[in-house]
Amino acid sequence: ILCHIDTYRLNNFKELKDLGFEEYLKKKNTICVIEWGEKFKNFLPKNTLYITIKTNQNINERKIIVR
């Protein structure tokens, strides 16, 4: 199962929690993709994989950083 959460318009952890965030993280065989996740990084699991996609000067190229 793929769960997508976009936190761009969320203002606080309560709003994220109201979306069922914690329940999604507990589900087996589920991958959660969280856009703007750095807003709530204190609430993410320690085993979180961070992926950053940046545009280069050439608009057709992207730099992908995984940490």
C-alpha atoms as a PDB file:
ATOM      1  CA  ILE A   1       0.000   0.000   0.000  1.00  0.00           C
ATOM      2  CA  LEU A   2       1.269   3.444  -0.875  1.00  0.00           C
ATOM      3  CA  CYS A   3       0.116   6.326   1.310  1.00  0.00           C
ATOM      4  CA  HIS A   4       0.742   9.886   0.127  1.00  0.00           C
ATOM      5  CA  ILE A   5       0.510  12.788   2.583  1.00  0.00           C
ATOM      6  CA  ASP A   6       1.160  16.379   1.518  1.00  0.00           C
ATOM      7  CA  THR A   7       1.830  18.510   4.605  1.00  0.00           C
ATOM      8  CA  TYR A   8       2.357  21.794   2.735  1.00  0.00           C
ATOM      9  CA  ARG A   9      -0.846  23.400   4.047  1.00  0.00           C
ATOM     10  CA  LEU A  10      -0.769  21.828   7.504  1.00  0.00           C
ATOM     11  CA  ASN A  11       0.032  24.151  10.382  1.00  0.00           C
ATOM     12  CA  ASN A  12       0.574  21.805  13.307  1.00  0.00           C
ATOM     13  CA  PHE A  13       0.929  18.191  14.357  1.00  0.00           C
ATOM     14  CA  LYS A  14      -2.744  17.935  15.368  1.00  0.00           C
ATOM     15  CA  GLU A  15      -3.770  18.499  11.739  1.00  0.00           C
ATOM     16  CA  LEU A  16      -1.357  15.782  10.625  1.00  0.00           C
ATOM     17  CA  LYS A  17      -2.607  13.442  13.329  1.00  0.00           C
ATOM     18  CA  ASP A  18      -6.222  14.089  12.296  1.00  0.00           C
ATOM     19  CA  LEU A  19      -5.351  12.746   8.821  1.00  0.00           C
ATOM     20  CA  GLY A  20      -4.516   9.370  10.376  1.00  0.00           C
ATOM     21  CA  PHE A  21      -0.766   9.834  10.093  1.00  0.00           C
ATOM     22  CA  GLU A  22       0.107   7.597  13.052  1.00  0.00           C
ATOM     23  CA  GLU A  23      -2.200   4.792  11.903  1.00  0.00           C
ATOM     24  CA  TYR A  24      -0.627   4.774   8.424  1.00  0.00           C
ATOM     25  CA  LEU A  25       2.870   4.484   9.910  1.00  0.00           C
ATOM     26  CA  LYS A  26       1.832   1.418  11.926  1.00  0.00           C
ATOM     27  CA  LYS A  27       0.367  -0.511   8.972  1.00  0.00           C
ATOM     28  CA  LYS A  28       2.461  -3.397   7.684  1.00  0.00           C
ATOM     29  CA  ASN A  29       3.331  -3.479   3.985  1.00  0.00           C
ATOM     30  CA  THR A  30       2.694   0.256   3.725  1.00  0.00           C
ATOM     31  CA  ILE A  31       5.014   2.942   2.402  1.00  0.00           C
ATOM     32  CA  CYS A  32       4.227   6.514   3.415  1.00  0.00           C
ATOM     33  CA  VAL A  33       5.442   9.271   1.120  1.00  0.00           C
ATOM     34  CA  ILE A  34       5.274  12.593   2.923  1.00  0.00           C
ATOM     35  CA  GLU A  35       5.795  15.799   0.983  1.00  0.00           C
ATOM     36  CA  TRP A  36       7.203  18.679   3.015  1.00  0.00           C
ATOM     37  CA  GLY A  37       7.977  16.110   5.723  1.00  0.00           C
ATOM     38  CA  GLU A  38      10.737  18.280   7.168  1.00  0.00           C
ATOM     39  CA  LYS A  39       7.965  20.373   8.752  1.00  0.00           C
ATOM     40  CA  PHE A  40       7.235  17.438  11.059  1.00  0.00           C
ATOM     41  CA  LYS A  41      10.566  15.617  11.166  1.00  0.00           C
ATOM     42  CA  ASN A  42      10.479  15.445  14.974  1.00  0.00           C
ATOM     43  CA  PHE A  43       7.454  13.148  14.675  1.00  0.00           C
ATOM     44  CA  LEU A  44       8.822  10.831  11.969  1.00  0.00           C
ATOM     45  CA  PRO A  45      10.318   7.412  12.782  1.00  0.00           C
ATOM     46  CA  LYS A  46      14.084   7.086  13.154  1.00  0.00           C
ATOM     47  CA  ASN A  47      14.244   4.832  10.089  1.00  0.00           C
ATOM     48  CA  THR A  48      12.799   7.544   7.817  1.00  0.00           C
ATOM     49  CA  LEU A  49      14.383   7.761   4.375  1.00  0.00           C
ATOM     50  CA  TYR A  50      14.666  11.352   3.156  1.00  0.00           C
ATOM     51  CA  ILE A  51      14.614  12.018  -0.595  1.00  0.00           C
ATOM     52  CA  THR A  52      15.240  15.519  -1.903  1.00  0.00           C
ATOM     53  CA  ILE A  53      14.708  16.422  -5.554  1.00  0.00           C
ATOM     54  CA  LYS A  54      16.333  19.623  -6.778  1.00  0.00           C
ATOM     55  CA  THR A  55      16.329  21.249 -10.193  1.00  0.00           C
ATOM     56  CA  ASN A  56      19.656  22.123 -11.730  1.00  0.00           C
ATOM     57  CA  GLN A  57      20.274  25.144 -13.937  1.00  0.00           C
ATOM     58  CA  ASN A  58      19.132  22.991 -16.837  1.00  0.00           C
ATOM     59  CA  ILE A  59      15.384  22.735 -16.221  1.00  0.00           C
ATOM     60  CA  ASN A  60      15.332  19.218 -17.736  1.00  0.00           C
ATOM     61  CA  GLU A  61      17.736  17.809 -15.152  1.00  0.00           C
ATOM     62  CA  ARG A  62      17.126  16.887 -11.529  1.00  0.00           C
ATOM     63  CA  LYS A  63      19.475  16.126  -8.672  1.00  0.00           C
ATOM     64  CA  ILE A  64      18.176  13.436  -6.315  1.00  0.00           C
ATOM     65  CA  ILE A  65      19.613  13.231  -2.809  1.00  0.00           C
ATOM     66  CA  VAL A  66      18.840  10.207  -0.618  1.00  0.00           C
ATOM     67  CA  ARG A  67      19.779  10.148   3.029  1.00  0.00           C
END
